[in-house]
């Protein structure tokens, strides 16, 4: 990973479209980082986090800065489904390479 790579932290619905409900960006040089995801980072107005009770949380390191997953990107997911409003924080470990 290069300090100039882009880290995308996202939440998506456990079932349904893979499009993220919310996404935040930061430079890889800032890792580790704490990010708060909410409706202000929604990808589409009709798909806000507040419409869901549970989400999957993950992160991807994009060498190109492109939000679409590409071969060679690094990624990881938090363990299990996150119940919104019940967990103060989750840990995401970036531990695999996108094939």
PDB file of N, CA and C in Angstrom:
ATOM      1  N   UNK A   1       0.853  -1.170   0.000  1.00  0.00           N
ATOM      2  CA  UNK A   1       0.000   0.000   0.000  1.00  0.00           C
ATOM      3  C   UNK A   1       0.898   1.231   0.000  1.00  0.00           C
ATOM      4  N   UNK A   2       0.493   2.207  -0.764  1.00  0.00           N
ATOM      5  CA  UNK A   2       1.225   3.462  -0.857  1.00  0.00           C
ATOM      6  C   UNK A   2       0.499   4.542  -0.063  1.00  0.00           C
ATOM      7  N   UNK A   3       1.230   5.471   0.556  1.00  0.00           N
ATOM      8  CA  UNK A   3       0.565   6.556   1.292  1.00  0.00           C
ATOM      9  C   UNK A   3      -0.391   7.377   0.430  1.00  0.00           C
ATOM     10  N   UNK A   4      -0.198   7.349  -0.887  1.00  0.00           N
ATOM     11  CA  UNK A   4      -1.068   8.129  -1.774  1.00  0.00           C
ATOM     12  C   UNK A   4      -2.315   7.362  -2.220  1.00  0.00           C
ATOM     13  N   UNK A   5      -2.427   6.077  -1.854  1.00  0.00           N
ATOM     14  CA  UNK A   5      -3.626   5.313  -2.183  1.00  0.00           C
ATOM     15  C   UNK A   5      -4.833   5.901  -1.454  1.00  0.00           C
ATOM     16  N   UNK A   6      -6.016   5.639  -1.978  1.00  0.00           N
ATOM     17  CA  UNK A   6      -7.262   6.110  -1.384  1.00  0.00           C
ATOM     18  C   UNK A   6      -7.937   4.979  -0.619  1.00  0.00           C
ATOM     19  N   UNK A   7      -8.362   5.261   0.616  1.00  0.00           N
ATOM     20  CA  UNK A   7      -9.107   4.298   1.407  1.00  0.00           C
ATOM     21  C   UNK A   7     -10.579   4.699   1.360  1.00  0.00           C
ATOM     22  N   UNK A   8     -11.429   3.743   1.007  1.00  0.00           N
ATOM     23  CA  UNK A   8     -12.867   3.968   0.974  1.00  0.00           C
ATOM     24  C   UNK A   8     -13.488   3.107   2.068  1.00  0.00           C
ATOM     25  N   UNK A   9     -14.142   3.733   3.028  1.00  0.00           N
ATOM     26  CA  UNK A   9     -14.849   3.021   4.088  1.00  0.00           C
ATOM     27  C   UNK A   9     -16.325   3.096   3.727  1.00  0.00           C
ATOM     28  N   UNK A  10     -17.009   1.960   3.793  1.00  0.00           N
ATOM     29  CA  UNK A  10     -18.389   1.927   3.306  1.00  0.00           C
ATOM     30  C   UNK A  10     -19.283   1.078   4.198  1.00  0.00           C
ATOM     31  N   UNK A  11     -20.576   1.350   4.079  1.00  0.00           N
ATOM     32  CA  UNK A  11     -21.618   0.522   4.694  1.00  0.00           C
ATOM     33  C   UNK A  11     -22.580   0.156   3.579  1.00  0.00           C
ATOM     34  N   UNK A  12     -22.996  -1.107   3.577  1.00  0.00           N
ATOM     35  CA  UNK A  12     -23.980  -1.536   2.584  1.00  0.00           C
ATOM     36  C   UNK A  12     -24.983  -2.462   3.258  1.00  0.00           C
ATOM     37  N   UNK A  13     -26.131  -2.602   2.629  1.00  0.00           N
ATOM     38  CA  UNK A  13     -27.185  -3.464   3.165  1.00  0.00           C
ATOM     39  C   UNK A  13     -26.724  -4.914   3.118  1.00  0.00           C
ATOM     40  N   UNK A  14     -27.032  -5.702   4.152  1.00  0.00           N
ATOM     41  CA  UNK A  14     -26.623  -7.105   4.147  1.00  0.00           C
ATOM     42  C   UNK A  14     -27.289  -7.910   3.030  1.00  0.00           C
ATOM     43  N   UNK A  15     -28.493  -7.500   2.649  1.00  0.00           N
ATOM     44  CA  UNK A  15     -29.214  -8.152   1.551  1.00  0.00           C
ATOM     45  C   UNK A  15     -29.627  -7.068   0.566  1.00  0.00           C
ATOM     46  N   UNK A  16     -29.620  -7.394  -0.694  1.00  0.00           N
ATOM     47  CA  UNK A  16     -30.008  -6.416  -1.692  1.00  0.00           C
ATOM     48  C   UNK A  16     -28.835  -5.957  -2.514  1.00  0.00           C
ATOM     49  N   UNK A  17     -28.936  -4.758  -3.086  1.00  0.00           N
ATOM     50  CA  UNK A  17     -27.883  -4.282  -3.988  1.00  0.00           C
ATOM     51  C   UNK A  17     -26.552  -4.096  -3.261  1.00  0.00           C
ATOM     52  N   UNK A  18     -25.467  -4.310  -3.996  1.00  0.00           N
ATOM     53  CA  UNK A  18     -24.129  -4.130  -3.415  1.00  0.00           C
ATOM     54  C   UNK A  18     -23.709  -2.667  -3.367  1.00  0.00           C
ATOM     55  N   UNK A  19     -24.520  -1.782  -3.945  1.00  0.00           N
ATOM     56  CA  UNK A  19     -24.188  -0.362  -3.899  1.00  0.00           C
ATOM     57  C   UNK A  19     -24.134   0.094  -2.438  1.00  0.00           C
ATOM     58  N   UNK A  20     -23.062   0.784  -2.048  1.00  0.00           N
ATOM     59  CA  UNK A  20     -22.960   1.245  -0.667  1.00  0.00           C
ATOM     60  C   UNK A  20     -24.070   2.223  -0.289  1.00  0.00           C
ATOM     61  N   UNK A  21     -24.467   2.152   0.963  1.00  0.00           N
ATOM     62  CA  UNK A  21     -25.431   3.109   1.509  1.00  0.00           C
ATOM     63  C   UNK A  21     -24.720   4.407   1.879  1.00  0.00           C
ATOM     64  N   UNK A  22     -23.460   4.293   2.302  1.00  0.00           N
ATOM     65  CA  UNK A  22     -22.650   5.456   2.673  1.00  0.00           C
ATOM     66  C   UNK A  22     -21.188   5.128   2.399  1.00  0.00           C
ATOM     67  N   UNK A  23     -20.431   6.147   1.995  1.00  0.00           N
ATOM     68  CA  UNK A  23     -19.004   5.975   1.710  1.00  0.00           C
ATOM     69  C   UNK A  23     -18.252   7.199   2.202  1.00  0.00           C
ATOM     70  N   UNK A  24     -17.086   6.951   2.811  1.00  0.00           N
ATOM     71  CA  UNK A  24     -16.169   8.031   3.203  1.00  0.00           C
ATOM     72  C   UNK A  24     -14.800   7.698   2.629  1.00  0.00           C
ATOM     73  N   UNK A  25     -14.060   8.729   2.260  1.00  0.00           N
ATOM     74  CA  UNK A  25     -12.717   8.567   1.689  1.00  0.00           C
ATOM     75  C   UNK A  25     -11.681   9.183   2.610  1.00  0.00           C
ATOM     76  N   UNK A  26     -10.491   8.595   2.584  1.00  0.00           N
ATOM     77  CA  UNK A  26      -9.349   9.215   3.261  1.00  0.00           C
ATOM     78  C   UNK A  26      -8.078   8.688   2.604  1.00  0.00           C
ATOM     79  N   UNK A  27      -6.973   9.423   2.737  1.00  0.00           N
ATOM     80  CA  UNK A  27      -5.711   8.922   2.188  1.00  0.00           C
ATOM     81  C   UNK A  27      -5.176   7.773   3.044  1.00  0.00           C
ATOM     82  N   UNK A  28      -4.533   6.805   2.401  1.00  0.00           N
ATOM     83  CA  UNK A  28      -3.989   5.652   3.122  1.00  0.00           C
ATOM     84  C   UNK A  28      -2.973   6.081   4.173  1.00  0.00           C
ATOM     85  N   UNK A  29      -2.296   7.191   3.952  1.00  0.00           N
ATOM     86  CA  UNK A  29      -1.295   7.655   4.922  1.00  0.00           C
ATOM     87  C   UNK A  29      -1.918   7.986   6.277  1.00  0.00           C
ATOM     88  N   UNK A  30      -3.251   8.161   6.334  1.00  0.00           N
ATOM     89  CA  UNK A  30      -3.936   8.498   7.591  1.00  0.00           C
ATOM     90  C   UNK A  30      -4.310   7.269   8.425  1.00  0.00           C
ATOM     91  N   UNK A  31      -4.113   6.052   7.882  1.00  0.00           N
ATOM     92  CA  UNK A  31      -4.480   4.850   8.625  1.00  0.00           C
ATOM     93  C   UNK A  31      -3.586   4.659   9.845  1.00  0.00           C
ATOM     94  N   UNK A  32      -4.073   4.131  10.946  1.00  0.00           N
ATOM     95  CA  UNK A  32      -5.476   3.805  11.210  1.00  0.00           C
ATOM     96  C   UNK A  32      -6.289   5.074  11.422  1.00  0.00           C
ATOM     97  N   UNK A  33      -7.579   5.001  11.127  1.00  0.00           N
ATOM     98  CA  UNK A  33      -8.443   6.176  11.186  1.00  0.00           C
ATOM     99  C   UNK A  33      -9.810   5.777  11.735  1.00  0.00           C
ATOM    100  N   UNK A  34     -10.454   6.720  12.396  1.00  0.00           N
ATOM    101  CA  UNK A  34     -11.827   6.530  12.855  1.00  0.00           C
ATOM    102  C   UNK A  34     -12.726   7.351  11.959  1.00  0.00           C
ATOM    103  N   UNK A  35     -13.749   6.712  11.397  1.00  0.00           N
ATOM    104  CA  UNK A  35     -14.680   7.383  10.486  1.00  0.00           C
ATOM    105  C   UNK A  35     -16.096   7.114  10.965  1.00  0.00           C
ATOM    106  N   UNK A  36     -16.936   8.127  10.900  1.00  0.00           N
ATOM    107  CA  UNK A  36     -18.354   7.982  11.219  1.00  0.00           C
ATOM    108  C   UNK A  36     -19.124   8.014   9.909  1.00  0.00           C
ATOM    109  N   UNK A  37     -19.890   6.959   9.654  1.00  0.00           N
ATOM    110  CA  UNK A  37     -20.730   6.905   8.457  1.00  0.00           C
ATOM    111  C   UNK A  37     -22.158   7.258   8.833  1.00  0.00           C
ATOM    112  N   UNK A  38     -22.806   8.085   7.992  1.00  0.00           N
ATOM    113  CA  UNK A  38     -24.190   8.472   8.244  1.00  0.00           C
ATOM    114  C   UNK A  38     -24.871   8.844   6.933  1.00  0.00           C
ATOM    115  N   UNK A  39     -26.098   9.312   7.024  1.00  0.00           N
ATOM    116  CA  UNK A  39     -26.881   9.637   5.824  1.00  0.00           C
ATOM    117  C   UNK A  39     -26.252  10.734   4.964  1.00  0.00           C
ATOM    118  N   UNK A  40     -25.407  11.563   5.534  1.00  0.00           N
ATOM    119  CA  UNK A  40     -24.801  12.641   4.740  1.00  0.00           C
ATOM    120  C   UNK A  40     -23.841  12.090   3.682  1.00  0.00           C
ATOM    121  N   UNK A  41     -23.430  10.830   3.816  1.00  0.00           N
ATOM    122  CA  UNK A  41     -22.519  10.222   2.848  1.00  0.00           C
ATOM    123  C   UNK A  41     -23.239   9.232   1.928  1.00  0.00           C
ATOM    124  N   UNK A  42     -24.561   9.352   1.857  1.00  0.00           N
ATOM    125  CA  UNK A  42     -25.362   8.427   1.051  1.00  0.00           C
ATOM    126  C   UNK A  42     -24.980   8.522  -0.423  1.00  0.00           C
ATOM    127  N   UNK A  43     -24.973   7.374  -1.072  1.00  0.00           N
ATOM    128  CA  UNK A  43     -24.687   7.316  -2.504  1.00  0.00           C
ATOM    129  C   UNK A  43     -25.920   7.688  -3.326  1.00  0.00           C
ATOM    130  N   UNK A  44     -27.110   7.433  -2.766  1.00  0.00           N
ATOM    131  CA  UNK A  44     -28.366   7.754  -3.436  1.00  0.00           C
ATOM    132  C   UNK A  44     -29.379   8.154  -2.361  1.00  0.00           C
ATOM    133  N   UNK A  45     -30.154   9.203  -2.591  1.00  0.00           N
ATOM    134  CA  UNK A  45     -31.087   9.686  -1.566  1.00  0.00           C
ATOM    135  C   UNK A  45     -32.080   8.638  -1.074  1.00  0.00           C
ATOM    136  N   UNK A  46     -32.489   7.731  -1.943  1.00  0.00           N
ATOM    137  CA  UNK A  46     -33.468   6.722  -1.544  1.00  0.00           C
ATOM    138  C   UNK A  46     -32.821   5.536  -0.817  1.00  0.00           C
ATOM    139  N   UNK A  47     -31.511   5.498  -0.752  1.00  0.00           N
ATOM    140  CA  UNK A  47     -30.790   4.399  -0.102  1.00  0.00           C
ATOM    141  C   UNK A  47     -29.920   4.936   1.043  1.00  0.00           C
ATOM    142  N   UNK A  48     -30.569   5.513   2.037  1.00  0.00           N
ATOM    143  CA  UNK A  48     -29.848   6.068   3.188  1.00  0.00           C
ATOM    144  C   UNK A  48     -29.694   5.016   4.285  1.00  0.00           C
ATOM    145  N   UNK A  49     -28.648   5.127   5.069  1.00  0.00           N
ATOM    146  CA  UNK A  49     -28.407   4.183   6.168  1.00  0.00           C
ATOM    147  C   UNK A  49     -29.557   4.167   7.159  1.00  0.00           C
ATOM    148  N   UNK A  50     -30.173   5.305   7.394  1.00  0.00           N
ATOM    149  CA  UNK A  50     -31.244   5.391   8.393  1.00  0.00           C
ATOM    150  C   UNK A  50     -32.475   4.566   8.018  1.00  0.00           C
ATOM    151  N   UNK A  51     -32.541   4.090   6.801  1.00  0.00           N
ATOM    152  CA  UNK A  51     -33.658   3.243   6.368  1.00  0.00           C
ATOM    153  C   UNK A  51     -33.410   1.770   6.693  1.00  0.00           C
ATOM    154  N   UNK A  52     -32.243   1.470   7.266  1.00  0.00           N
ATOM    155  CA  UNK A  52     -31.871   0.091   7.551  1.00  0.00           C
ATOM    156  C   UNK A  52     -31.550  -0.069   9.031  1.00  0.00           C
ATOM    157  N   UNK A  53     -31.760  -1.252   9.557  1.00  0.00           N
ATOM    158  CA  UNK A  53     -31.425  -1.517  10.959  1.00  0.00           C
ATOM    159  C   UNK A  53     -30.065  -2.199  11.087  1.00  0.00           C
ATOM    160  N   UNK A  54     -29.582  -2.786   9.985  1.00  0.00           N
ATOM    161  CA  UNK A  54     -28.301  -3.487   9.993  1.00  0.00           C
ATOM    162  C   UNK A  54     -27.536  -3.184   8.708  1.00  0.00           C
ATOM    163  N   UNK A  55     -26.220  -3.207   8.818  1.00  0.00           N
ATOM    164  CA  UNK A  55     -25.361  -2.983   7.652  1.00  0.00           C
ATOM    165  C   UNK A  55     -24.130  -3.876   7.730  1.00  0.00           C
ATOM    166  N   UNK A  56     -23.482  -4.032   6.600  1.00  0.00           N
ATOM    167  CA  UNK A  56     -22.138  -4.594   6.529  1.00  0.00           C
ATOM    168  C   UNK A  56     -21.190  -3.410   6.399  1.00  0.00           C
ATOM    169  N   UNK A  57     -20.087  -3.421   7.124  1.00  0.00           N
ATOM    170  CA  UNK A  57     -19.122  -2.331   7.067  1.00  0.00           C
ATOM    171  C   UNK A  57     -17.805  -2.881   6.538  1.00  0.00           C
ATOM    172  N   UNK A  58     -17.211  -2.164   5.607  1.00  0.00           N
ATOM    173  CA  UNK A  58     -15.952  -2.614   5.030  1.00  0.00           C
ATOM    174  C   UNK A  58     -15.084  -1.448   4.615  1.00  0.00           C
ATOM    175  N   UNK A  59     -13.902  -1.788   4.138  1.00  0.00           N
ATOM    176  CA  UNK A  59     -12.971  -0.773   3.644  1.00  0.00           C
ATOM    177  C   UNK A  59     -12.190  -1.362   2.481  1.00  0.00           C
ATOM    178  N   UNK A  60     -11.822  -0.504   1.549  1.00  0.00           N
ATOM    179  CA  UNK A  60     -11.027  -0.912   0.402  1.00  0.00           C
ATOM    180  C   UNK A  60      -9.954   0.128   0.154  1.00  0.00           C
ATOM    181  N   UNK A  61      -8.758  -0.353  -0.146  1.00  0.00           N
ATOM    182  CA  UNK A  61      -7.664   0.525  -0.546  1.00  0.00           C
ATOM    183  C   UNK A  61      -7.615   0.497  -2.060  1.00  0.00           C
ATOM    184  N   UNK A  62      -7.861   1.658  -2.662  1.00  0.00           N
ATOM    185  CA  UNK A  62      -7.889   1.776  -4.116  1.00  0.00           C
ATOM    186  C   UNK A  62      -6.632   2.487  -4.589  1.00  0.00           C
ATOM    187  N   UNK A  63      -5.865   1.821  -5.387  1.00  0.00           N
ATOM    188  CA  UNK A  63      -4.644   2.436  -5.917  1.00  0.00           C
ATOM    189  C   UNK A  63      -4.972   3.514  -6.945  1.00  0.00           C
ATOM    190  N   UNK A  64      -6.110   3.353  -7.650  1.00  0.00           N
ATOM    191  CA  UNK A  64      -6.502   4.303  -8.685  1.00  0.00           C
ATOM    192  C   UNK A  64      -7.349   5.449  -8.137  1.00  0.00           C
ATOM    193  N   UNK A  65      -7.901   5.272  -6.931  1.00  0.00           N
ATOM    194  CA  UNK A  65      -8.822   6.263  -6.383  1.00  0.00           C
ATOM    195  C   UNK A  65     -10.250   6.034  -6.844  1.00  0.00           C
ATOM    196  N   UNK A  66     -10.449   5.056  -7.721  1.00  0.00           N
ATOM    197  CA  UNK A  66     -11.759   4.732  -8.258  1.00  0.00           C
ATOM    198  C   UNK A  66     -12.583   3.989  -7.208  1.00  0.00           C
ATOM    199  N   UNK A  67     -13.842   4.391  -6.996  1.00  0.00           N
ATOM    200  CA  UNK A  67     -14.661   3.710  -5.994  1.00  0.00           C
ATOM    201  C   UNK A  67     -15.100   2.296  -6.391  1.00  0.00           C
ATOM    202  N   UNK A  68     -14.993   1.956  -7.662  1.00  0.00           N
ATOM    203  CA  UNK A  68     -15.361   0.613  -8.121  1.00  0.00           C
ATOM    204  C   UNK A  68     -14.185  -0.323  -7.888  1.00  0.00           C
ATOM    205  N   UNK A  69     -14.464  -1.453  -7.260  1.00  0.00           N
ATOM    206  CA  UNK A  69     -13.437  -2.436  -6.936  1.00  0.00           C
ATOM    207  C   UNK A  69     -12.697  -2.891  -8.183  1.00  0.00           C
ATOM    208  N   UNK A  70     -11.361  -2.962  -8.085  1.00  0.00           N
ATOM    209  CA  UNK A  70     -10.539  -3.386  -9.209  1.00  0.00           C
ATOM    210  C   UNK A  70      -9.543  -4.446  -8.744  1.00  0.00           C
ATOM    211  N   UNK A  71      -9.123  -5.298  -9.661  1.00  0.00           N
ATOM    212  CA  UNK A  71      -8.120  -6.309  -9.358  1.00  0.00           C
ATOM    213  C   UNK A  71      -6.891  -5.651  -8.743  1.00  0.00           C
ATOM    214  N   UNK A  72      -6.430  -6.227  -7.630  1.00  0.00           N
ATOM    215  CA  UNK A  72      -5.247  -5.702  -6.954  1.00  0.00           C
ATOM    216  C   UNK A  72      -5.556  -4.774  -5.795  1.00  0.00           C
ATOM    217  N   UNK A  73      -6.804  -4.275  -5.710  1.00  0.00           N
ATOM    218  CA  UNK A  73      -7.185  -3.464  -4.551  1.00  0.00           C
ATOM    219  C   UNK A  73      -7.122  -4.335  -3.304  1.00  0.00           C
ATOM    220  N   UNK A  74      -6.930  -3.709  -2.165  1.00  0.00           N
ATOM    221  CA  UNK A  74      -6.931  -4.401  -0.878  1.00  0.00           C
ATOM    222  C   UNK A  74      -8.249  -4.110  -0.195  1.00  0.00           C
ATOM    223  N   UNK A  75      -8.824  -5.098   0.506  1.00  0.00           N
ATOM    224  CA  UNK A  75     -10.119  -4.859   1.133  1.00  0.00           C
ATOM    225  C   UNK A  75     -10.317  -5.734   2.362  1.00  0.00           C
ATOM    226  N   UNK A  76     -11.335  -5.376   3.125  1.00  0.00           N
ATOM    227  CA  UNK A  76     -11.707  -6.161   4.291  1.00  0.00           C
ATOM    228  C   UNK A  76     -13.080  -5.759   4.776  1.00  0.00           C
ATOM    229  N   UNK A  77     -13.708  -6.635   5.566  1.00  0.00           N
ATOM    230  CA  UNK A  77     -15.025  -6.377   6.146  1.00  0.00           C
ATOM    231  C   UNK A  77     -14.949  -6.536   7.657  1.00  0.00           C
ATOM    232  N   UNK A  78     -15.775  -5.802   8.352  1.00  0.00           N
ATOM    233  CA  UNK A  78     -15.922  -6.003   9.790  1.00  0.00           C
ATOM    234  C   UNK A  78     -16.545  -7.380   9.992  1.00  0.00           C
ATOM    235  N   UNK A  79     -16.301  -7.975  11.149  1.00  0.00           N
ATOM    236  CA  UNK A  79     -16.890  -9.284  11.445  1.00  0.00           C
ATOM    237  C   UNK A  79     -18.394  -9.164  11.601  1.00  0.00           C
ATOM    238  N   UNK A  80     -19.144  -9.895  10.791  1.00  0.00           N
ATOM    239  CA  UNK A  80     -20.591  -9.981  10.935  1.00  0.00           C
ATOM    240  C   UNK A  80     -21.348  -8.734  10.525  1.00  0.00           C
ATOM    241  N   UNK A  81     -22.639  -8.795  10.782  1.00  0.00           N
ATOM    242  CA  UNK A  81     -23.552  -7.698  10.467  1.00  0.00           C
ATOM    243  C   UNK A  81     -23.573  -6.739  11.645  1.00  0.00           C
ATOM    244  N   UNK A  82     -23.575  -5.452  11.350  1.00  0.00           N
ATOM    245  CA  UNK A  82     -23.551  -4.416  12.375  1.00  0.00           C
ATOM    246  C   UNK A  82     -24.967  -3.887  12.590  1.00  0.00           C
ATOM    247  N   UNK A  83     -25.450  -3.965  13.816  1.00  0.00           N
ATOM    248  CA  UNK A  83     -26.767  -3.427  14.163  1.00  0.00           C
ATOM    249  C   UNK A  83     -26.607  -1.924  14.417  1.00  0.00           C
ATOM    250  N   UNK A  84     -27.257  -1.110  13.604  1.00  0.00           N
ATOM    251  CA  UNK A  84     -27.123   0.342  13.740  1.00  0.00           C
ATOM    252  C   UNK A  84     -27.694   0.809  15.075  1.00  0.00           C
ATOM    253  N   UNK A  85     -26.962   1.686  15.733  1.00  0.00           N
ATOM    254  CA  UNK A  85     -27.399   2.234  17.009  1.00  0.00           C
ATOM    255  C   UNK A  85     -27.087   1.350  18.197  1.00  0.00           C
ATOM    256  N   UNK A  86     -26.560   0.159  17.968  1.00  0.00           N
ATOM    257  CA  UNK A  86     -26.279  -0.768  19.066  1.00  0.00           C
ATOM    258  C   UNK A  86     -24.794  -0.942  19.315  1.00  0.00           C
ATOM    259  N   UNK A  87     -23.960  -0.664  18.318  1.00  0.00           N
ATOM    260  CA  UNK A  87     -22.526  -0.821  18.472  1.00  0.00           C
ATOM    261  C   UNK A  87     -21.870   0.545  18.327  1.00  0.00           C
ATOM    262  N   UNK A  88     -21.099   0.961  19.336  1.00  0.00           N
ATOM    263  CA  UNK A  88     -20.482   2.278  19.235  1.00  0.00           C
ATOM    264  C   UNK A  88     -19.411   2.358  18.155  1.00  0.00           C
ATOM    265  N   UNK A  89     -18.754   1.228  17.846  1.00  0.00           N
ATOM    266  CA  UNK A  89     -17.744   1.232  16.795  1.00  0.00           C
ATOM    267  C   UNK A  89     -17.496  -0.193  16.323  1.00  0.00           C
ATOM    268  N   UNK A  90     -16.915  -0.295  15.151  1.00  0.00           N
ATOM    269  CA  UNK A  90     -16.527  -1.600  14.609  1.00  0.00           C
ATOM    270  C   UNK A  90     -15.100  -1.482  14.093  1.00  0.00           C
ATOM    271  N   UNK A  91     -14.434  -2.598  14.036  1.00  0.00           N
ATOM    272  CA  UNK A  91     -13.065  -2.661  13.536  1.00  0.00           C
ATOM    273  C   UNK A  91     -13.079  -3.365  12.193  1.00  0.00           C
ATOM    274  N   UNK A  92     -12.470  -2.732  11.205  1.00  0.00           N
ATOM    275  CA  UNK A  92     -12.343  -3.341   9.881  1.00  0.00           C
ATOM    276  C   UNK A  92     -10.860  -3.611   9.647  1.00  0.00           C
ATOM    277  N   UNK A  93     -10.544  -4.859   9.366  1.00  0.00           N
ATOM    278  CA  UNK A  93      -9.166  -5.232   9.043  1.00  0.00           C
ATOM    279  C   UNK A  93      -9.089  -5.473   7.548  1.00  0.00           C
ATOM    280  N   UNK A  94      -8.212  -4.746   6.884  1.00  0.00           N
ATOM    281  CA  UNK A  94      -8.007  -4.904   5.437  1.00  0.00           C
ATOM    282  C   UNK A  94      -7.032  -6.063   5.285  1.00  0.00           C
ATOM    283  N   UNK A  95      -7.580  -7.223   4.832  1.00  0.00           N
ATOM    284  CA  UNK A  95      -6.772  -8.438   4.896  1.00  0.00           C
ATOM    285  C   UNK A  95      -6.799  -9.318   3.642  1.00  0.00           C
ATOM    286  N   UNK A  96      -7.278  -8.789   2.527  1.00  0.00           N
ATOM    287  CA  UNK A  96      -7.274  -9.606   1.317  1.00  0.00           C
ATOM    288  C   UNK A  96      -7.128  -8.718   0.075  1.00  0.00           C
ATOM    289  N   UNK A  97      -6.721  -9.380  -1.001  1.00  0.00           N
ATOM    290  CA  UNK A  97      -6.513  -8.714  -2.288  1.00  0.00           C
ATOM    291  C   UNK A  97      -7.675  -9.069  -3.200  1.00  0.00           C
ATOM    292  N   UNK A  98      -8.217  -8.069  -3.880  1.00  0.00           N
ATOM    293  CA  UNK A  98      -9.308  -8.305  -4.842  1.00  0.00           C
ATOM    294  C   UNK A  98      -8.714  -9.061  -6.033  1.00  0.00           C
ATOM    295  N   UNK A  99      -9.309 -10.234  -6.362  1.00  0.00           N
ATOM    296  CA  UNK A  99      -8.767 -11.025  -7.493  1.00  0.00           C
ATOM    297  C   UNK A  99      -9.035 -10.357  -8.833  1.00  0.00           C
TER     298      UNK A  99
END
